[in-house]
């Protein structure tokens, strides 16, 4: 397993320390180290709780504005990690999945910028993670529905 992880994360870093369902969340050397500015922004934006689960377009735009000086590939890795392994210990962990999927979807809809382009490229490289969630019979219905919508969008673009 260590050899496979080393091969999958040849560029350095990797997400080996993070829990996940998908065996190799990020294979392109992108690291979403816990505590990085990118992970903190993703975690705070996608945190479970509240009455309205999906993020609005405006909330996603605010996320992109807050992320302007951050690394888009690392943000993509953090978003994909949430899709694969939402936070444990809360009954509404699926909220994080839906919110991460909302940000990803909005990145595919947003005006081109380097940040958004990097997020889209990072997500495209791991698109099978979205498909896995869309086909997971144990996933929360709303998370699965959002994943189905996003998988179609990824396939169309």
Protein backbone atom coordinates (compact mmCIF):
# COMPACT_ATOMS: atom_id res chain seq x y z
CA UNK A 1 0.00 0.00 0.00
CA UNK A 2 2.81 2.42 0.79
CA UNK A 3 4.30 1.87 -2.65
CA UNK A 4 0.92 2.58 -4.26
CA UNK A 5 0.55 5.75 -2.18
CA UNK A 6 4.07 6.85 -3.12
CA UNK A 7 3.31 6.30 -6.80
CA UNK A 8 -0.03 8.07 -6.60
CA UNK A 9 1.46 11.08 -4.86
CA UNK A 10 4.74 11.26 -6.74
CA UNK A 11 4.76 15.07 -6.74
CA UNK A 12 4.90 15.20 -2.96
CA UNK A 13 2.33 15.66 -0.26
CA UNK A 14 -0.77 13.64 -0.83
CA UNK A 15 -3.80 13.03 1.30
CA UNK A 16 -2.64 9.83 2.98
CA UNK A 17 -3.35 11.25 6.42
CA UNK A 18 -6.99 12.03 5.65
CA UNK A 19 -9.79 9.45 5.89
CA UNK A 20 -11.44 8.66 2.57
CA UNK A 21 -13.45 6.05 0.69
CA UNK A 22 -11.64 6.52 -2.58
CA UNK A 23 -8.28 4.74 -2.57
CA UNK A 24 -6.30 7.53 -4.21
CA UNK A 25 -8.12 10.82 -3.84
CA UNK A 26 -5.42 12.94 -5.40
CA UNK A 27 -2.89 11.31 -7.70
CA UNK A 28 -1.25 14.44 -9.01
CA UNK A 29 0.94 15.40 -6.08
CA UNK A 30 -1.49 17.97 -4.75
CA UNK A 31 -1.57 18.16 -1.00
CA UNK A 32 -4.46 19.48 1.04
CA UNK A 33 -2.61 19.51 4.33
CA UNK A 34 -4.83 19.86 7.35
CA UNK A 35 -4.59 23.41 8.64
CA UNK A 36 -3.66 25.02 5.32
CA UNK A 37 -5.52 28.20 4.40
CA UNK A 38 -7.26 26.31 1.58
CA UNK A 39 -8.51 23.54 3.88
CA UNK A 40 -9.62 26.03 6.54
CA UNK A 41 -11.64 27.98 3.95
CA UNK A 42 -13.23 24.83 2.50
CA UNK A 43 -13.98 23.43 5.97
CA UNK A 44 -15.54 26.67 7.24
CA UNK A 45 -17.63 27.15 4.11
CA UNK A 46 -18.81 23.54 3.94
CA UNK A 47 -19.29 22.91 7.68
CA UNK A 48 -22.40 20.88 8.51
CA UNK A 49 -25.27 22.67 10.22
CA UNK A 50 -27.89 25.27 9.52
CA UNK A 51 -31.27 25.04 7.85
CA UNK A 52 -30.24 25.74 4.25
CA UNK A 53 -27.90 23.00 3.06
CA UNK A 54 -27.08 23.90 -0.56
CA UNK A 55 -24.91 26.98 -1.01
CA UNK A 56 -26.35 29.81 -3.08
CA UNK A 57 -24.59 31.18 -6.14
CA UNK A 58 -23.77 34.28 -4.08
CA UNK A 59 -22.21 32.20 -1.30
CA UNK A 60 -20.08 30.36 -3.87
CA UNK A 61 -18.96 33.70 -5.37
CA UNK A 62 -18.00 34.85 -1.87
CA UNK A 63 -16.01 31.64 -1.47
CA UNK A 64 -14.12 32.29 -4.74
CA UNK A 65 -13.47 35.89 -3.69
CA UNK A 66 -12.07 34.72 -0.36
CA UNK A 67 -9.91 32.16 -2.19
CA UNK A 68 -8.43 34.61 -4.71
CA UNK A 69 -4.87 34.33 -3.40
CA UNK A 70 -5.04 30.61 -2.59
CA UNK A 71 -4.07 27.58 -4.66
CA UNK A 72 -6.93 26.24 -6.79
CA UNK A 73 -5.53 22.70 -7.03
CA UNK A 74 -5.26 22.49 -3.24
CA UNK A 75 -8.82 23.77 -2.93
CA UNK A 76 -9.93 21.09 -5.42
CA UNK A 77 -8.15 18.45 -3.34
CA UNK A 78 -9.87 19.68 -0.16
CA UNK A 79 -13.28 19.70 -1.89
CA UNK A 80 -12.78 16.20 -3.31
CA UNK A 81 -11.70 14.99 0.14
CA UNK A 82 -14.99 16.28 1.60
CA UNK A 83 -16.94 14.54 -1.15
CA UNK A 84 -15.12 11.26 -0.40
CA UNK A 85 -15.05 11.51 3.38
CA UNK A 86 -17.40 14.03 4.98
CA UNK A 87 -16.67 14.92 8.62
CA UNK A 88 -17.54 12.13 11.01
CA UNK A 89 -19.27 12.48 14.34
CA UNK A 90 -22.24 14.55 13.21
CA UNK A 91 -25.55 13.35 11.88
CA UNK A 92 -25.52 16.02 9.18
CA UNK A 93 -22.13 15.16 7.69
CA UNK A 94 -23.77 14.96 4.28
CA UNK A 95 -24.22 18.76 4.44
CA UNK A 96 -20.46 19.09 3.85
CA UNK A 97 -20.70 16.85 0.77
CA UNK A 98 -23.56 18.86 -0.73
CA UNK A 99 -21.83 22.18 -0.03
CA UNK A 100 -18.55 20.98 -1.54
CA UNK A 101 -20.46 19.78 -4.61
CA UNK A 102 -22.16 23.21 -4.84
CA UNK A 103 -18.77 24.96 -4.93
CA UNK A 104 -17.50 22.52 -7.55
CA UNK A 105 -20.63 22.99 -9.66
CA UNK A 106 -20.35 26.76 -9.44
CA UNK A 107 -16.69 26.53 -10.52
CA UNK A 108 -17.89 24.86 -13.71
CA UNK A 109 -20.40 27.72 -14.21
CA UNK A 110 -18.19 30.63 -13.12
CA UNK A 111 -16.36 33.10 -15.31
CA UNK A 112 -12.89 31.87 -16.16
CA UNK A 113 -10.12 32.86 -13.81
CA UNK A 114 -6.87 31.11 -12.93
CA UNK A 115 -8.31 30.04 -9.56
CA UNK A 116 -11.54 28.64 -11.03
CA UNK A 117 -9.64 27.01 -13.90
CA UNK A 118 -7.32 25.27 -11.43
CA UNK A 119 -10.26 24.10 -9.30
CA UNK A 120 -12.02 22.72 -12.39
CA UNK A 121 -8.83 21.00 -13.60
CA UNK A 122 -8.25 19.46 -10.16
CA UNK A 123 -11.82 18.19 -9.99
CA UNK A 124 -11.72 16.85 -13.56
CA UNK A 125 -8.67 14.79 -12.64
CA UNK A 126 -10.70 13.16 -9.87
CA UNK A 127 -14.14 13.12 -11.54
CA UNK A 128 -14.64 9.43 -10.73
CA UNK A 129 -15.04 10.44 -7.07
CA UNK A 130 -18.20 12.36 -7.99
CA UNK A 131 -19.46 9.39 -10.01
CA UNK A 132 -18.78 7.05 -7.08
CA UNK A 133 -20.91 9.25 -4.79
CA UNK A 134 -23.65 9.46 -7.44
CA UNK A 135 -23.77 5.65 -7.53
CA UNK A 136 -23.37 5.02 -3.78
CA UNK A 137 -26.61 3.50 -2.45
CA UNK A 138 -25.50 4.30 1.11
CA UNK A 139 -24.99 8.01 0.48
CA UNK A 140 -27.56 10.51 1.72
CA UNK A 141 -30.18 11.04 -1.00
CA UNK A 142 -29.53 14.80 -1.32
CA UNK A 143 -25.77 14.29 -1.60
CA UNK A 144 -26.30 11.58 -4.20
CA UNK A 145 -28.71 13.78 -6.20
CA UNK A 146 -26.23 16.67 -6.23
CA UNK A 147 -23.45 14.28 -7.30
CA UNK A 148 -25.62 12.99 -10.18
CA UNK A 149 -26.23 16.58 -11.37
CA UNK A 150 -22.53 17.42 -11.13
CA UNK A 151 -21.41 14.20 -12.84
CA UNK A 152 -23.65 15.12 -15.82
CA UNK A 153 -22.18 18.62 -15.92
CA UNK A 154 -18.62 17.29 -15.82
CA UNK A 155 -19.41 14.86 -18.64
CA UNK A 156 -20.98 17.64 -20.77
CA UNK A 157 -18.13 20.11 -20.48
